[in-house]
Amino acid sequence: MWRDYNTCASSCELMCVECVTPAQVAYEAKNEECRTLWRAFDDERQKALRSGVDLKADAKALRGLDDLHKKYEATAREATDLRDRYLGRL
């Protein structure tokens, strides 16, 4: 069955059960995962800076931050792809 997801868009801003699409749900979930990963990276980065760690000299600390950032980057690429697919369906 075909459904017009924009039927009540002006009254609910695409947030009600009738209007939310699977693509939107997937994008929002992945975007929230991005926020969580960025906070984890930024918290560790701030902690390293406050503790005075020299990231040029401390390979282990730098590798840990790099791993966190790579996880964020991969998830951000997925979120961007989901967003583009979601927006392409509007």
Protein backbone atom coordinates (compact mmCIF):
# COMPACT_ATOMS: atom_id res chain seq x y z
CA MET A 1 0.00 0.00 0.00
CA TRP A 2 1.35 3.39 -1.00
CA ARG A 3 1.25 6.08 1.68
CA ASP A 4 1.65 9.81 1.28
CA TYR A 5 3.91 10.64 4.20
CA ASN A 6 3.36 14.35 3.67
CA THR A 7 -0.41 14.36 4.16
CA CYS A 8 -0.32 16.06 7.54
CA ALA A 9 3.18 17.55 7.33
CA SER A 10 2.00 21.09 7.92
CA SER A 11 0.35 20.18 11.21
CA CYS A 12 2.86 17.71 12.66
CA GLU A 13 6.18 18.64 11.01
CA LEU A 14 6.76 15.00 10.00
CA MET A 15 7.00 13.80 13.59
CA CYS A 16 3.80 11.79 14.07
CA VAL A 17 3.50 8.05 13.50
CA GLU A 18 1.62 8.70 10.28
CA CYS A 19 4.44 10.77 8.78
CA VAL A 20 7.72 9.39 10.10
CA THR A 21 9.41 7.32 7.42
CA PRO A 22 11.76 4.37 7.99
CA ALA A 23 14.49 6.42 6.29
CA GLN A 24 13.99 9.24 8.79
CA VAL A 25 14.10 6.85 11.74
CA ALA A 26 17.31 5.25 10.46
CA TYR A 27 18.95 8.63 9.88
CA GLU A 28 17.98 10.00 13.29
CA ALA A 29 19.27 6.88 15.06
CA LYS A 30 22.60 7.03 13.22
CA ASN A 31 22.86 10.76 13.84
CA GLU A 32 22.37 10.20 17.57
CA GLU A 33 25.09 7.55 17.46
CA CYS A 34 27.35 10.18 15.85
CA ARG A 35 26.66 12.62 18.66
CA THR A 36 27.49 9.96 21.24
CA LEU A 37 30.74 9.02 19.50
CA TRP A 38 31.77 12.66 19.11
CA ARG A 39 31.14 13.31 22.81
CA ALA A 40 33.27 10.28 23.70
CA PHE A 41 36.09 11.49 21.45
CA ASP A 42 35.88 15.08 22.67
CA ASP A 43 35.74 14.04 26.34
CA GLU A 44 38.89 11.93 25.93
CA ARG A 45 40.62 14.70 23.98
CA GLN A 46 39.77 17.27 26.65
CA LYS A 47 40.90 14.89 29.39
CA ALA A 48 44.25 14.40 27.62
CA LEU A 49 44.71 18.14 27.16
CA ARG A 50 43.86 18.89 30.80
CA SER A 51 46.25 16.24 32.05
CA GLY A 52 49.07 17.73 30.02
CA VAL A 53 49.66 14.68 27.83
CA ASP A 54 51.99 15.43 24.92
CA LEU A 55 50.15 13.70 22.09
CA LYS A 56 53.21 14.02 19.83
CA ALA A 57 55.25 11.96 22.29
CA ASP A 58 52.59 9.64 23.72
CA ALA A 59 51.74 7.27 20.86
CA LYS A 60 49.36 5.21 22.98
CA ALA A 61 47.24 8.23 23.93
CA LEU A 62 47.25 9.47 20.34
CA ARG A 63 46.27 6.01 19.03
CA GLY A 64 43.36 5.89 21.47
CA LEU A 65 42.08 9.27 20.30
CA ASP A 66 42.64 8.30 16.67
CA ASP A 67 40.62 5.09 17.14
CA LEU A 68 37.74 7.04 18.68
CA HIS A 69 37.84 9.58 15.87
CA LYS A 70 37.88 6.86 13.20
CA LYS A 71 34.76 5.30 14.73
CA TYR A 72 33.11 8.70 14.66
CA GLU A 73 34.14 9.35 11.05
CA ALA A 74 32.82 5.99 9.84
CA THR A 75 29.50 6.54 11.60
CA ALA A 76 29.30 10.11 10.29
CA ARG A 77 29.72 8.83 6.73
CA GLU A 78 26.89 6.35 7.31
CA ALA A 79 24.71 9.11 8.79
CA THR A 80 25.42 11.36 5.80
CA ASP A 81 24.44 8.58 3.42
CA LEU A 82 21.22 7.92 5.36
CA ARG A 83 20.43 11.63 5.47
CA ASP A 84 20.92 11.96 1.72
CA ARG A 85 18.65 8.96 1.07
CA TYR A 86 16.05 10.33 3.48
CA LEU A 87 16.09 13.81 1.94
CA GLY A 88 15.98 12.31 -1.53
CA ARG A 89 12.63 10.71 -0.67
CA LEU A 90 10.95 13.91 0.48
